Protein backbone atom coordinates (compact mmCIF):
# COMPACT_ATOMS: atom_id res chain seq x y z
CA UNK A 1 -9.70 16.67 -13.43
CA UNK A 2 -7.90 17.03 -10.32
CA UNK A 3 -6.76 13.97 -8.30
CA UNK A 4 -8.93 14.66 -5.56
CA UNK A 5 -11.90 14.62 -7.48
CA UNK A 6 -11.14 11.18 -9.13
CA UNK A 7 -13.44 8.55 -7.91
CA UNK A 8 -11.18 5.68 -8.74
CA UNK A 9 -8.29 7.15 -6.70
CA UNK A 10 -10.56 7.94 -3.94
CA UNK A 11 -11.79 4.31 -3.86
CA UNK A 12 -8.08 3.21 -3.77
CA UNK A 13 -7.19 6.04 -1.14
CA UNK A 14 -10.13 4.43 0.80
CA UNK A 15 -9.02 1.10 0.87
CA UNK A 16 -5.45 2.06 1.86
CA UNK A 17 -6.89 3.62 4.80
CA UNK A 18 -8.64 0.64 5.94
CA UNK A 19 -5.47 -1.63 6.39
CA UNK A 20 -4.78 -1.92 10.03
CA UNK A 21 -1.16 -0.93 11.56
CA UNK A 22 0.98 -3.93 11.61
CA UNK A 23 -0.47 -5.38 8.48
CA UNK A 24 0.16 -5.00 4.93
CA UNK A 25 -1.76 -5.28 1.23
CA UNK A 26 -0.67 -5.61 -2.17
CA UNK A 27 -1.01 -3.18 -4.89
CA UNK A 28 -3.17 -5.57 -6.69
CA UNK A 29 -5.28 -6.28 -3.66
CA UNK A 30 -5.85 -2.77 -2.94
CA UNK A 31 -6.97 -2.34 -6.22
CA UNK A 32 -9.20 -4.91 -6.47
CA UNK A 33 -10.57 -4.25 -2.79
CA UNK A 34 -11.49 -0.73 -4.79
CA UNK A 35 -13.43 -2.50 -7.55
CA UNK A 36 -10.75 -2.07 -10.13
CA UNK A 37 -9.51 -5.77 -10.58
CA UNK A 38 -6.01 -5.94 -12.81
CA UNK A 39 -5.09 -2.16 -11.96
CA UNK A 40 -2.39 -2.80 -9.52
CA UNK A 41 -0.31 -0.11 -11.33
CA UNK A 42 -3.46 2.41 -10.94
CA UNK A 43 -3.17 1.32 -6.99
CA UNK A 44 0.53 2.53 -6.99
CA UNK A 45 -0.38 5.90 -9.27
CA UNK A 46 -3.08 6.71 -6.75
CA UNK A 47 -0.46 6.57 -3.86
CA UNK A 48 2.06 8.67 -6.05
CA UNK A 49 -0.45 11.42 -6.67
CA UNK A 50 -2.31 11.33 -3.09
CA UNK A 51 -2.50 14.84 -1.51
CA UNK A 52 0.01 14.87 1.42
CA UNK A 53 -2.69 16.37 3.57
CA UNK A 54 -4.13 13.00 3.30
CA UNK A 55 -1.61 11.32 5.47
CA UNK A 56 -2.31 8.02 3.46
CA UNK A 57 -0.52 4.88 5.39
CA UNK A 58 1.55 4.24 1.97
CA UNK A 59 3.90 2.06 3.49
CA UNK A 60 1.12 -0.68 4.56
CA UNK A 61 0.96 -1.05 0.53
CA UNK A 62 3.51 -3.49 -1.19
CA UNK A 63 4.46 -5.44 -4.19
CA UNK A 64 3.45 -9.03 -4.72
CA UNK A 65 4.50 -11.52 -2.55
CA UNK A 66 5.35 -8.77 0.12
CA UNK A 67 8.04 -7.18 -1.64
CA UNK A 68 8.98 -3.54 -1.08
CA UNK A 69 8.67 -2.04 -4.85
CA UNK A 70 11.38 0.39 -4.17
CA UNK A 71 14.95 -0.29 -5.48
CA UNK A 72 16.94 -1.30 -2.08
CA UNK A 73 19.41 1.62 -1.92
CA UNK A 74 16.59 4.43 -2.52
CA UNK A 75 15.18 6.61 0.19
CA UNK A 76 11.94 5.39 -0.19
CA UNK A 77 12.72 1.85 0.41
CA UNK A 78 14.66 2.38 3.98
CA UNK A 79 11.22 5.02 4.71
CA UNK A 80 8.65 2.18 4.02
CA UNK A 81 11.09 -0.37 5.93
CA UNK A 82 11.45 1.95 8.74
CA UNK A 83 7.68 2.60 8.93
CA UNK A 84 6.63 -1.09 8.82
CA UNK A 85 9.29 -1.86 11.48
CA UNK A 86 8.05 0.66 13.55
CA UNK A 87 4.34 -1.11 13.46
CA UNK A 88 6.02 -4.62 14.27
CA UNK A 89 6.28 -5.88 10.62
CA UNK A 90 9.44 -7.56 10.07
CA UNK A 91 11.25 -6.88 6.91
CA UNK A 92 13.96 -9.12 5.42
CA UNK A 93 15.77 -9.04 2.56
CA UNK A 94 13.35 -6.19 0.89
CA UNK A 95 10.35 -8.37 1.77
CA UNK A 96 7.63 -8.60 4.57
CA UNK A 97 7.01 -11.62 6.83
CA UNK A 98 4.01 -13.77 5.05
CA UNK A 99 2.01 -13.41 8.47
CA UNK A 100 1.65 -9.50 7.92
CA UNK A 101 0.03 -9.83 4.68
CA UNK A 102 -3.63 -9.13 4.81
CA UNK A 103 -6.49 -10.44 2.67
CA UNK A 104 -8.39 -7.58 2.09
CA UNK A 105 -11.62 -9.89 1.98
CA UNK A 106 -11.34 -9.70 5.69
CA UNK A 107 -12.48 -5.96 5.61
CA UNK A 108 -15.86 -7.45 4.55
């Protein structure tokens, strides 16, 4: 089944699109909000296989505790930090500030 046709992946993509500029959420919280509790790794997989045409704000999803999960020396780490900074999110030592972390229950 192509990724575009997978309801679980579509649910994750939808939740990621709901995270507003200047805020972040964790892979685990995204999975829970998509109805997939305990499936943080599936949220990561969903972002990895997402069609580029969706233009998902993937940079707004971080690891537990606000950590950027990519290795610090990687291109992806730098790109995520750059995008977050452009939205007003402070990143220090590979972590975002607590005030930027969004509780997805706020979405209703």
